[in-house]
C-alpha atoms as a PDB file:
ATOM      1  CA  MET A   1      81.633 -34.458 -16.020  1.00  0.00           C
ATOM      2  CA  LYS A   2      84.146 -31.236 -15.490  1.00  0.00           C
ATOM      3  CA  LYS A   3      83.097 -29.444 -12.660  1.00  0.00           C
ATOM      4  CA  GLU A   4      82.157 -26.107 -14.376  1.00  0.00           C
ATOM      5  CA  ASN A   5      80.120 -28.192 -16.567  1.00  0.00           C
ATOM      6  CA  VAL A   6      77.865 -29.695 -13.674  1.00  0.00           C
ATOM      7  CA  GLU A   7      78.079 -25.672 -12.338  1.00  0.00           C
ATOM      8  CA  ASN A   8      76.580 -25.008 -15.342  1.00  0.00           C
ATOM      9  CA  LEU A   9      73.804 -27.798 -15.492  1.00  0.00           C
ATOM     10  CA  VAL A  10      72.804 -26.904 -12.491  1.00  0.00           C
ATOM     11  CA  VAL A  11      72.579 -22.650 -12.781  1.00  0.00           C
ATOM     12  CA  SER A  12      69.929 -23.259 -15.982  1.00  0.00           C
ATOM     13  CA  GLU A  13      68.324 -26.415 -14.265  1.00  0.00           C
ATOM     14  CA  VAL A  14      67.941 -23.853 -11.053  1.00  0.00           C
ATOM     15  CA  THR A  15      66.553 -20.943 -13.874  1.00  0.00           C
ATOM     16  CA  GLU A  16      64.332 -23.361 -15.682  1.00  0.00           C
ATOM     17  CA  PHE A  17      62.726 -24.781 -12.187  1.00  0.00           C
ATOM     18  CA  GLU A  18      61.952 -21.196 -10.939  1.00  0.00           C
ATOM     19  CA  SER A  19      60.986 -19.648 -14.068  1.00  0.00           C
ATOM     20  CA  GLN A  20      58.154 -22.294 -13.960  1.00  0.00           C
ATOM     21  CA  LEU A  21      57.473 -22.105 -10.041  1.00  0.00           C
ATOM     22  CA  LEU A  22      56.996 -18.523 -10.609  1.00  0.00           C
ATOM     23  CA  GLU A  23      54.058 -19.168 -13.661  1.00  0.00           C
ATOM     24  CA  MET A  24      52.479 -21.741 -11.383  1.00  0.00           C
ATOM     25  CA  ILE A  25      51.869 -19.231  -7.986  1.00  0.00           C
ATOM     26  CA  LYS A  26      50.627 -16.983 -11.089  1.00  0.00           C
ATOM     27  CA  SER A  27      48.158 -18.968 -11.799  1.00  0.00           C
ATOM     28  CA  ALA A  28      47.486 -20.124  -7.916  1.00  0.00           C
ATOM     29  CA  HIS A  29      47.430 -16.440  -7.261  1.00  0.00           C
ATOM     30  CA  GLU A  30      44.639 -15.992 -10.258  1.00  0.00           C
ATOM     31  CA  GLY A  31      42.601 -18.896  -8.670  1.00  0.00           C
ATOM     32  CA  ASP A  32      43.785 -22.203 -10.912  1.00  0.00           C
ATOM     33  CA  GLU A  33      42.907 -25.490  -8.470  1.00  0.00           C
ATOM     34  CA  LYS A  34      45.684 -27.049  -9.729  1.00  0.00           C
ATOM     35  CA  SER A  35      48.300 -24.801  -9.509  1.00  0.00           C
ATOM     36  CA  LEU A  36      46.780 -24.304  -5.412  1.00  0.00           C
ATOM     37  CA  GLU A  37      47.088 -28.116  -5.237  1.00  0.00           C
ATOM     38  CA  ILE A  38      50.305 -28.435  -6.288  1.00  0.00           C
ATOM     39  CA  ILE A  39      52.074 -25.797  -4.301  1.00  0.00           C
ATOM     40  CA  THR A  40      49.530 -27.034  -0.978  1.00  0.00           C
ATOM     41  CA  LYS A  41      51.766 -30.516  -2.102  1.00  0.00           C
ATOM     42  CA  MET A  42      55.141 -28.395  -2.245  1.00  0.00           C
ATOM     43  CA  LYS A  43      54.551 -26.880   1.316  1.00  0.00           C
ATOM     44  CA  LYS A  44      53.547 -30.331   3.128  1.00  0.00           C
ATOM     45  CA  ALA A  45      56.474 -32.160   1.607  1.00  0.00           C
ATOM     46  CA  ILE A  46      58.849 -29.457   2.013  1.00  0.00           C
ATOM     47  CA  GLY A  47      57.589 -28.963   6.205  1.00  0.00           C
ATOM     48  CA  SER A  48      58.449 -32.483   6.029  1.00  0.00           C
ATOM     49  CA  PHE A  49      62.281 -32.391   6.375  1.00  0.00           C
END
């Protein structure tokens, strides 16, 4: 795969992830239990690095 193609793929994957994360944060802020649980697990995972 060409470097340019890889860079474009990374940009699109990051953009998609950020969009999904924003939606989950909004849902958690509105009190969605599943979203709160996911965010808690993500914080624990990030803290373990």
